[in-house]
């Protein structure tokens, strides 16, 4: 999907020097915000930005975004690990 964002010329330099750079930065900011809200997963952020798992990790870390990993996620991972280990 493509869309157009219009902004005053004096605001655009905050995001980049070219229209492509501005568009990329706005997309990155939107992805980060939705990830922080829990509306995008790690994988969805990567897909949106064209990054693999480790590139997404580095991108989020570089931007100071903490990992969205709740106590419920930990419990689910522990249960999965218990099942795997019980089957060995």
PDB file of N, CA and C in Angstrom:
ATOM      1  N   UNK A   1       0.848  -1.171   0.000  1.00  0.00           N
ATOM      2  CA  UNK A   1       0.000   0.000   0.000  1.00  0.00           C
ATOM      3  C   UNK A   1       0.894   1.234   0.000  1.00  0.00           C
ATOM      4  N   UNK A   2       0.499   2.191  -0.742  1.00  0.00           N
ATOM      5  CA  UNK A   2       1.193   3.471  -0.747  1.00  0.00           C
ATOM      6  C   UNK A   2       0.240   4.553  -0.273  1.00  0.00           C
ATOM      7  N   UNK A   3       0.792   5.537   0.399  1.00  0.00           N
ATOM      8  CA  UNK A   3       0.000   6.685   0.809  1.00  0.00           C
ATOM      9  C   UNK A   3       0.909   7.906   0.818  1.00  0.00           C
ATOM     10  N   UNK A   4       0.294   9.053   0.853  1.00  0.00           N
ATOM     11  CA  UNK A   4       1.028  10.311   0.815  1.00  0.00           C
ATOM     12  C   UNK A   4       0.806  11.057   2.117  1.00  0.00           C
ATOM     13  N   UNK A   5       1.882  11.592   2.638  1.00  0.00           N
ATOM     14  CA  UNK A   5       1.814  12.425   3.836  1.00  0.00           C
ATOM     15  C   UNK A   5       2.252  13.821   3.428  1.00  0.00           C
ATOM     16  N   UNK A   6       1.441  14.780   3.747  1.00  0.00           N
ATOM     17  CA  UNK A   6       1.800  16.165   3.462  1.00  0.00           C
ATOM     18  C   UNK A   6       2.192  16.838   4.761  1.00  0.00           C
ATOM     19  N   UNK A   7       3.303  17.575   4.711  1.00  0.00           N
ATOM     20  CA  UNK A   7       3.742  18.323   5.884  1.00  0.00           C
ATOM     21  C   UNK A   7       4.394  19.616   5.420  1.00  0.00           C
ATOM     22  N   UNK A   8       4.383  20.611   6.269  1.00  0.00           N
ATOM     23  CA  UNK A   8       5.022  21.872   5.906  1.00  0.00           C
ATOM     24  C   UNK A   8       6.517  21.660   5.633  1.00  0.00           C
ATOM     25  N   UNK A   9       7.043  22.376   4.665  1.00  0.00           N
ATOM     26  CA  UNK A   9       8.454  22.247   4.297  1.00  0.00           C
ATOM     27  C   UNK A   9       9.386  22.453   5.486  1.00  0.00           C
ATOM     28  N   UNK A  10       9.020  23.333   6.391  1.00  0.00           N
ATOM     29  CA  UNK A  10       9.901  23.604   7.522  1.00  0.00           C
ATOM     30  C   UNK A  10       9.950  22.440   8.521  1.00  0.00           C
ATOM     31  N   UNK A  11       8.991  21.534   8.479  1.00  0.00           N
ATOM     32  CA  UNK A  11       8.979  20.374   9.386  1.00  0.00           C
ATOM     33  C   UNK A  11       9.719  19.171   8.807  1.00  0.00           C
ATOM     34  N   UNK A  12       9.739  19.040   7.504  1.00  0.00           N
ATOM     35  CA  UNK A  12      10.313  17.858   6.844  1.00  0.00           C
ATOM     36  C   UNK A  12      11.772  17.589   7.208  1.00  0.00           C
ATOM     37  N   UNK A  13      12.632  18.609   7.348  1.00  0.00           N
ATOM     38  CA  UNK A  13      14.038  18.315   7.646  1.00  0.00           C
ATOM     39  C   UNK A  13      14.263  17.543   8.948  1.00  0.00           C
ATOM     40  N   UNK A  14      13.296  17.540   9.847  1.00  0.00           N
ATOM     41  CA  UNK A  14      13.430  16.745  11.073  1.00  0.00           C
ATOM     42  C   UNK A  14      13.532  15.259  10.757  1.00  0.00           C
ATOM     43  N   UNK A  15      12.992  14.846   9.606  1.00  0.00           N
ATOM     44  CA  UNK A  15      12.950  13.431   9.241  1.00  0.00           C
ATOM     45  C   UNK A  15      13.935  13.058   8.140  1.00  0.00           C
ATOM     46  N   UNK A  16      14.498  14.024   7.437  1.00  0.00           N
ATOM     47  CA  UNK A  16      15.458  13.687   6.387  1.00  0.00           C
ATOM     48  C   UNK A  16      15.621  14.794   5.369  1.00  0.00           C
ATOM     49  N   UNK A  17      16.584  14.565   4.465  1.00  0.00           N
ATOM     50  CA  UNK A  17      16.919  15.577   3.464  1.00  0.00           C
ATOM     51  C   UNK A  17      16.199  15.389   2.136  1.00  0.00           C
ATOM     52  N   UNK A  18      15.667  14.195   1.906  1.00  0.00           N
ATOM     53  CA  UNK A  18      14.986  13.903   0.643  1.00  0.00           C
ATOM     54  C   UNK A  18      13.601  13.345   0.940  1.00  0.00           C
ATOM     55  N   UNK A  19      12.698  13.403  -0.016  1.00  0.00           N
ATOM     56  CA  UNK A  19      11.376  12.808   0.205  1.00  0.00           C
ATOM     57  C   UNK A  19      11.453  11.323   0.588  1.00  0.00           C
ATOM     58  N   UNK A  20      12.371  10.573  -0.029  1.00  0.00           N
ATOM     59  CA  UNK A  20      12.510   9.153   0.322  1.00  0.00           C
ATOM     60  C   UNK A  20      12.973   8.976   1.765  1.00  0.00           C
ATOM     61  N   UNK A  21      13.933   9.800   2.188  1.00  0.00           N
ATOM     62  CA  UNK A  21      14.435   9.713   3.560  1.00  0.00           C
ATOM     63  C   UNK A  21      13.343  10.084   4.558  1.00  0.00           C
ATOM     64  N   UNK A  22      12.577  11.116   4.236  1.00  0.00           N
ATOM     65  CA  UNK A  22      11.470  11.522   5.110  1.00  0.00           C
ATOM     66  C   UNK A  22      10.461  10.385   5.219  1.00  0.00           C
ATOM     67  N   UNK A  23      10.092   9.797   4.082  1.00  0.00           N
ATOM     68  CA  UNK A  23       9.133   8.694   4.086  1.00  0.00           C
ATOM     69  C   UNK A  23       9.615   7.520   4.912  1.00  0.00           C
ATOM     70  N   UNK A  24      10.883   7.161   4.770  1.00  0.00           N
ATOM     71  CA  UNK A  24      11.445   6.034   5.524  1.00  0.00           C
ATOM     72  C   UNK A  24      11.424   6.325   7.021  1.00  0.00           C
ATOM     73  N   UNK A  25      11.821   7.530   7.389  1.00  0.00           N
ATOM     74  CA  UNK A  25      11.872   7.877   8.808  1.00  0.00           C
ATOM     75  C   UNK A  25      10.470   7.889   9.423  1.00  0.00           C
ATOM     76  N   UNK A  26       9.510   8.425   8.712  1.00  0.00           N
ATOM     77  CA  UNK A  26       8.125   8.429   9.204  1.00  0.00           C
ATOM     78  C   UNK A  26       7.623   6.996   9.363  1.00  0.00           C
ATOM     79  N   UNK A  27       7.945   6.124   8.404  1.00  0.00           N
ATOM     80  CA  UNK A  27       7.557   4.716   8.488  1.00  0.00           C
ATOM     81  C   UNK A  27       8.206   4.046   9.700  1.00  0.00           C
ATOM     82  N   UNK A  28       9.487   4.304   9.922  1.00  0.00           N
ATOM     83  CA  UNK A  28      10.179   3.739  11.079  1.00  0.00           C
ATOM     84  C   UNK A  28       9.539   4.216  12.382  1.00  0.00           C
ATOM     85  N   UNK A  29       9.249   5.511  12.460  1.00  0.00           N
ATOM     86  CA  UNK A  29       8.619   6.047  13.669  1.00  0.00           C
ATOM     87  C   UNK A  29       7.256   5.409  13.917  1.00  0.00           C
ATOM     88  N   UNK A  30       6.481   5.220  12.865  1.00  0.00           N
ATOM     89  CA  UNK A  30       5.165   4.585  13.005  1.00  0.00           C
ATOM     90  C   UNK A  30       5.317   3.140  13.471  1.00  0.00           C
ATOM     91  N   UNK A  31       6.284   2.424  12.912  1.00  0.00           N
ATOM     92  CA  UNK A  31       6.509   1.028  13.305  1.00  0.00           C
ATOM     93  C   UNK A  31       6.907   0.940  14.773  1.00  0.00           C
ATOM     94  N   UNK A  32       7.793   1.819  15.204  1.00  0.00           N
ATOM     95  CA  UNK A  32       8.229   1.823  16.601  1.00  0.00           C
ATOM     96  C   UNK A  32       7.054   2.101  17.528  1.00  0.00           C
ATOM     97  N   UNK A  33       6.266   3.091  17.188  1.00  0.00           N
ATOM     98  CA  UNK A  33       5.129   3.449  18.049  1.00  0.00           C
ATOM     99  C   UNK A  33       4.133   2.301  18.153  1.00  0.00           C
ATOM    100  N   UNK A  34       3.815   1.667  17.031  1.00  0.00           N
ATOM    101  CA  UNK A  34       2.864   0.546  17.061  1.00  0.00           C
ATOM    102  C   UNK A  34       3.444  -0.644  17.818  1.00  0.00           C
ATOM    103  N   UNK A  35       4.748  -0.870  17.720  1.00  0.00           N
ATOM    104  CA  UNK A  35       5.406  -1.939  18.471  1.00  0.00           C
ATOM    105  C   UNK A  35       5.321  -1.650  19.972  1.00  0.00           C
ATOM    106  N   UNK A  36       5.600  -0.422  20.363  1.00  0.00           N
ATOM    107  CA  UNK A  36       5.522  -0.049  21.786  1.00  0.00           C
ATOM    108  C   UNK A  36       4.106  -0.234  22.328  1.00  0.00           C
ATOM    109  N   UNK A  37       3.116   0.045  21.490  1.00  0.00           N
ATOM    110  CA  UNK A  37       1.712  -0.115  21.886  1.00  0.00           C
ATOM    111  C   UNK A  37       1.282  -1.578  21.903  1.00  0.00           C
ATOM    112  N   UNK A  38       2.107  -2.460  21.360  1.00  0.00           N
ATOM    113  CA  UNK A  38       1.741  -3.868  21.266  1.00  0.00           C
ATOM    114  C   UNK A  38       0.849  -4.173  20.074  1.00  0.00           C
ATOM    115  N   UNK A  39       0.743  -3.237  19.148  1.00  0.00           N
ATOM    116  CA  UNK A  39      -0.113  -3.430  17.970  1.00  0.00           C
ATOM    117  C   UNK A  39       0.633  -4.068  16.810  1.00  0.00           C
ATOM    118  N   UNK A  40       1.968  -4.045  16.855  1.00  0.00           N
ATOM    119  CA  UNK A  40       2.795  -4.743  15.872  1.00  0.00           C
ATOM    120  C   UNK A  40       3.738  -5.677  16.621  1.00  0.00           C
ATOM    121  N   UNK A  41       3.937  -6.850  16.071  1.00  0.00           N
ATOM    122  CA  UNK A  41       4.904  -7.787  16.640  1.00  0.00           C
ATOM    123  C   UNK A  41       6.303  -7.459  16.113  1.00  0.00           C
ATOM    124  N   UNK A  42       7.277  -8.095  16.709  1.00  0.00           N
ATOM    125  CA  UNK A  42       8.663  -7.963  16.252  1.00  0.00           C
ATOM    126  C   UNK A  42       8.755  -8.317  14.768  1.00  0.00           C
ATOM    127  N   UNK A  43       8.145  -9.432  14.401  1.00  0.00           N
ATOM    128  CA  UNK A  43       8.175  -9.880  13.001  1.00  0.00           C
ATOM    129  C   UNK A  43       7.497  -8.862  12.084  1.00  0.00           C
ATOM    130  N   UNK A  44       6.365  -8.303  12.519  1.00  0.00           N
ATOM    131  CA  UNK A  44       5.662  -7.329  11.689  1.00  0.00           C
ATOM    132  C   UNK A  44       6.494  -6.065  11.483  1.00  0.00           C
ATOM    133  N   UNK A  45       7.214  -5.650  12.519  1.00  0.00           N
ATOM    134  CA  UNK A  45       8.112  -4.498  12.365  1.00  0.00           C
ATOM    135  C   UNK A  45       9.158  -4.804  11.298  1.00  0.00           C
ATOM    136  N   UNK A  46       9.757  -5.987  11.393  1.00  0.00           N
ATOM    137  CA  UNK A  46      10.748  -6.382  10.399  1.00  0.00           C
ATOM    138  C   UNK A  46      10.176  -6.436   8.997  1.00  0.00           C
ATOM    139  N   UNK A  47       8.996  -7.031   8.862  1.00  0.00           N
ATOM    140  CA  UNK A  47       8.358  -7.113   7.543  1.00  0.00           C
ATOM    141  C   UNK A  47       8.074  -5.723   6.984  1.00  0.00           C
ATOM    142  N   UNK A  48       7.573  -4.845   7.834  1.00  0.00           N
ATOM    143  CA  UNK A  48       7.235  -3.489   7.409  1.00  0.00           C
ATOM    144  C   UNK A  48       8.467  -2.728   6.921  1.00  0.00           C
ATOM    145  N   UNK A  49       9.595  -2.959   7.592  1.00  0.00           N
ATOM    146  CA  UNK A  49      10.808  -2.210   7.276  1.00  0.00           C
ATOM    147  C   UNK A  49      11.779  -2.972   6.370  1.00  0.00           C
ATOM    148  N   UNK A  50      11.412  -4.204   6.003  1.00  0.00           N
ATOM    149  CA  UNK A  50      12.283  -4.991   5.135  1.00  0.00           C
ATOM    150  C   UNK A  50      13.532  -5.488   5.837  1.00  0.00           C
ATOM    151  N   UNK A  51      13.400  -5.838   7.117  1.00  0.00           N
ATOM    152  CA  UNK A  51      14.535  -6.282   7.921  1.00  0.00           C
ATOM    153  C   UNK A  51      14.362  -7.732   8.342  1.00  0.00           C
ATOM    154  N   UNK A  52      15.479  -8.451   8.489  1.00  0.00           N
ATOM    155  CA  UNK A  52      15.394  -9.803   9.034  1.00  0.00           C
ATOM    156  C   UNK A  52      15.332  -9.713  10.567  1.00  0.00           C
ATOM    157  N   UNK A  53      15.267 -10.868  11.224  1.00  0.00           N
ATOM    158  CA  UNK A  53      15.111 -10.891  12.685  1.00  0.00           C
ATOM    159  C   UNK A  53      16.206 -10.082  13.383  1.00  0.00           C
ATOM    160  N   UNK A  54      17.460 -10.357  13.038  1.00  0.00           N
ATOM    161  CA  UNK A  54      18.573  -9.714  13.740  1.00  0.00           C
ATOM    162  C   UNK A  54      18.694  -8.241  13.385  1.00  0.00           C
ATOM    163  N   UNK A  55      18.370  -7.883  12.169  1.00  0.00           N
ATOM    164  CA  UNK A  55      18.366  -6.467  11.792  1.00  0.00           C
ATOM    165  C   UNK A  55      17.282  -5.716  12.560  1.00  0.00           C
ATOM    166  N   UNK A  56      16.134  -6.373  12.751  1.00  0.00           N
ATOM    167  CA  UNK A  56      15.054  -5.758  13.527  1.00  0.00           C
ATOM    168  C   UNK A  56      15.488  -5.581  14.974  1.00  0.00           C
ATOM    169  N   UNK A  57      16.139  -6.598  15.541  1.00  0.00           N
ATOM    170  CA  UNK A  57      16.667  -6.490  16.905  1.00  0.00           C
ATOM    171  C   UNK A  57      17.600  -5.287  17.019  1.00  0.00           C
ATOM    172  N   UNK A  58      18.539  -5.182  16.080  1.00  0.00           N
ATOM    173  CA  UNK A  58      19.508  -4.085  16.106  1.00  0.00           C
ATOM    174  C   UNK A  58      18.815  -2.735  15.931  1.00  0.00           C
ATOM    175  N   UNK A  59      17.850  -2.674  15.023  1.00  0.00           N
ATOM    176  CA  UNK A  59      17.111  -1.435  14.780  1.00  0.00           C
ATOM    177  C   UNK A  59      16.398  -0.975  16.052  1.00  0.00           C
ATOM    178  N   UNK A  60      15.669  -1.891  16.693  1.00  0.00           N
ATOM    179  CA  UNK A  60      14.931  -1.527  17.903  1.00  0.00           C
ATOM    180  C   UNK A  60      15.884  -1.129  19.024  1.00  0.00           C
ATOM    181  N   UNK A  61      16.976  -1.862  19.167  1.00  0.00           N
ATOM    182  CA  UNK A  61      17.953  -1.531  20.209  1.00  0.00           C
ATOM    183  C   UNK A  61      18.565  -0.159  19.951  1.00  0.00           C
ATOM    184  N   UNK A  62      18.936   0.093  18.698  1.00  0.00           N
ATOM    185  CA  UNK A  62      19.538   1.374  18.329  1.00  0.00           C
ATOM    186  C   UNK A  62      18.594   2.538  18.622  1.00  0.00           C
ATOM    187  N   UNK A  63      17.311   2.300  18.457  1.00  0.00           N
ATOM    188  CA  UNK A  63      16.315   3.350  18.698  1.00  0.00           C
ATOM    189  C   UNK A  63      15.839   3.385  20.151  1.00  0.00           C
ATOM    190  N   UNK A  64      16.435   2.547  21.015  1.00  0.00           N
ATOM    191  CA  UNK A  64      16.110   2.560  22.442  1.00  0.00           C
ATOM    192  C   UNK A  64      14.757   1.972  22.773  1.00  0.00           C
ATOM    193  N   UNK A  65      14.293   1.038  21.951  1.00  0.00           N
ATOM    194  CA  UNK A  65      12.978   0.432  22.150  1.00  0.00           C
ATOM    195  C   UNK A  65      13.151  -0.888  22.902  1.00  0.00           C
ATOM    196  N   UNK A  66      12.547  -1.009  24.080  1.00  0.00           N
ATOM    197  CA  UNK A  66      12.683  -2.261  24.834  1.00  0.00           C
ATOM    198  C   UNK A  66      11.890  -3.399  24.196  1.00  0.00           C
ATOM    199  N   UNK A  67      12.342  -4.604  24.455  1.00  0.00           N
ATOM    200  CA  UNK A  67      11.676  -5.802  23.960  1.00  0.00           C
ATOM    201  C   UNK A  67      10.298  -5.923  24.599  1.00  0.00           C
ATOM    202  N   UNK A  68       9.284  -6.188  23.785  1.00  0.00           N
ATOM    203  CA  UNK A  68       7.937  -6.453  24.303  1.00  0.00           C
ATOM    204  C   UNK A  68       7.863  -7.919  24.700  1.00  0.00           C
ATOM    205  N   UNK A  69       8.133  -8.204  25.953  1.00  0.00           N
ATOM    206  CA  UNK A  69       8.153  -9.580  26.435  1.00  0.00           C
ATOM    207  C   UNK A  69       7.535  -9.569  27.823  1.00  0.00           C
ATOM    208  N   UNK A  70       6.303 -10.020  27.901  1.00  0.00           N
ATOM    209  CA  UNK A  70       5.539  -9.941  29.143  1.00  0.00           C
ATOM    210  C   UNK A  70       5.765 -11.183  30.002  1.00  0.00           C
ATOM    211  N   UNK A  71       5.352 -11.129  31.257  1.00  0.00           N
ATOM    212  CA  UNK A  71       5.398 -12.333  32.091  1.00  0.00           C
ATOM    213  C   UNK A  71       4.598 -13.485  31.471  1.00  0.00           C
ATOM    214  N   UNK A  72       3.505 -13.175  30.793  1.00  0.00           N
ATOM    215  CA  UNK A  72       2.719 -14.221  30.126  1.00  0.00           C
ATOM    216  C   UNK A  72       3.531 -14.870  29.003  1.00  0.00           C
ATOM    217  N   UNK A  73       4.326 -14.060  28.283  1.00  0.00           N
ATOM    218  CA  UNK A  73       5.203 -14.606  27.244  1.00  0.00           C
ATOM    219  C   UNK A  73       6.228 -15.555  27.858  1.00  0.00           C
ATOM    220  N   UNK A  74       6.785 -15.158  28.992  1.00  0.00           N
ATOM    221  CA  UNK A  74       7.760 -16.006  29.679  1.00  0.00           C
ATOM    222  C   UNK A  74       7.124 -17.323  30.102  1.00  0.00           C
ATOM    223  N   UNK A  75       5.930 -17.261  30.671  1.00  0.00           N
ATOM    224  CA  UNK A  75       5.232 -18.483  31.083  1.00  0.00           C
ATOM    225  C   UNK A  75       4.975 -19.398  29.890  1.00  0.00           C
ATOM    226  N   UNK A  76       4.561 -18.820  28.775  1.00  0.00           N
ATOM    227  CA  UNK A  76       4.301 -19.620  27.577  1.00  0.00           C
ATOM    228  C   UNK A  76       5.586 -20.262  27.065  1.00  0.00           C
ATOM    229  N   UNK A  77       6.681 -19.515  27.082  1.00  0.00           N
ATOM    230  CA  UNK A  77       7.962 -20.070  26.639  1.00  0.00           C
ATOM    231  C   UNK A  77       8.441 -21.176  27.574  1.00  0.00           C
ATOM    232  N   UNK A  78       8.244 -20.991  28.856  1.00  0.00           N
ATOM    233  CA  UNK A  78       8.624 -22.040  29.821  1.00  0.00           C
ATOM    234  C   UNK A  78       7.810 -23.310  29.588  1.00  0.00           C
ATOM    235  N   UNK A  79       6.512 -23.149  29.351  1.00  0.00           N
ATOM    236  CA  UNK A  79       5.652 -24.314  29.109  1.00  0.00           C
ATOM    237  C   UNK A  79       6.086 -25.043  27.839  1.00  0.00           C
ATOM    238  N   UNK A  80       6.409 -24.295  26.811  1.00  0.00           N
ATOM    239  CA  UNK A  80       6.880 -24.909  25.565  1.00  0.00           C
ATOM    240  C   UNK A  80       8.190 -25.647  25.789  1.00  0.00           C
ATOM    241  N   UNK A  81       9.105 -25.031  26.504  1.00  0.00           N
ATOM    242  CA  UNK A  81      10.385 -25.672  26.793  1.00  0.00           C
ATOM    243  C   UNK A  81      10.188 -26.933  27.626  1.00  0.00           C
ATOM    244  N   UNK A  82       9.293 -26.879  28.608  1.00  0.00           N
ATOM    245  CA  UNK A  82       9.001 -28.067  29.423  1.00  0.00           C
ATOM    246  C   UNK A  82       8.493 -29.209  28.553  1.00  0.00           C
ATOM    247  N   UNK A  83       7.616 -28.901  27.602  1.00  0.00           N
ATOM    248  CA  UNK A  83       7.092 -29.935  26.697  1.00  0.00           C
ATOM    249  C   UNK A  83       8.205 -30.529  25.842  1.00  0.00           C
ATOM    250  N   UNK A  84       9.072 -29.671  25.343  1.00  0.00           N
ATOM    251  CA  UNK A  84      10.179 -30.144  24.507  1.00  0.00           C
ATOM    252  C   UNK A  84      11.107 -31.043  25.315  1.00  0.00           C
ATOM    253  N   UNK A  85      11.453 -30.604  26.506  1.00  0.00           N
ATOM    254  CA  UNK A  85      12.375 -31.383  27.339  1.00  0.00           C
ATOM    255  C   UNK A  85      11.748 -32.677  27.837  1.00  0.00           C
ATOM    256  N   UNK A  86      10.453 -32.673  28.062  1.00  0.00           N
ATOM    257  CA  UNK A  86       9.764 -33.891  28.514  1.00  0.00           C
ATOM    258  C   UNK A  86       9.731 -34.936  27.406  1.00  0.00           C
ATOM    259  N   UNK A  87       9.763 -34.492  26.167  1.00  0.00           N
ATOM    260  CA  UNK A  87       9.718 -35.412  25.033  1.00  0.00           C
ATOM    261  C   UNK A  87      11.068 -35.990  24.675  1.00  0.00           C
ATOM    262  N   UNK A  88      12.152 -35.481  25.284  1.00  0.00           N
ATOM    263  CA  UNK A  88      13.479 -35.988  24.921  1.00  0.00           C
ATOM    264  C   UNK A  88      13.863 -37.227  25.676  1.00  0.00           C
TER     265      UNK A  88
END
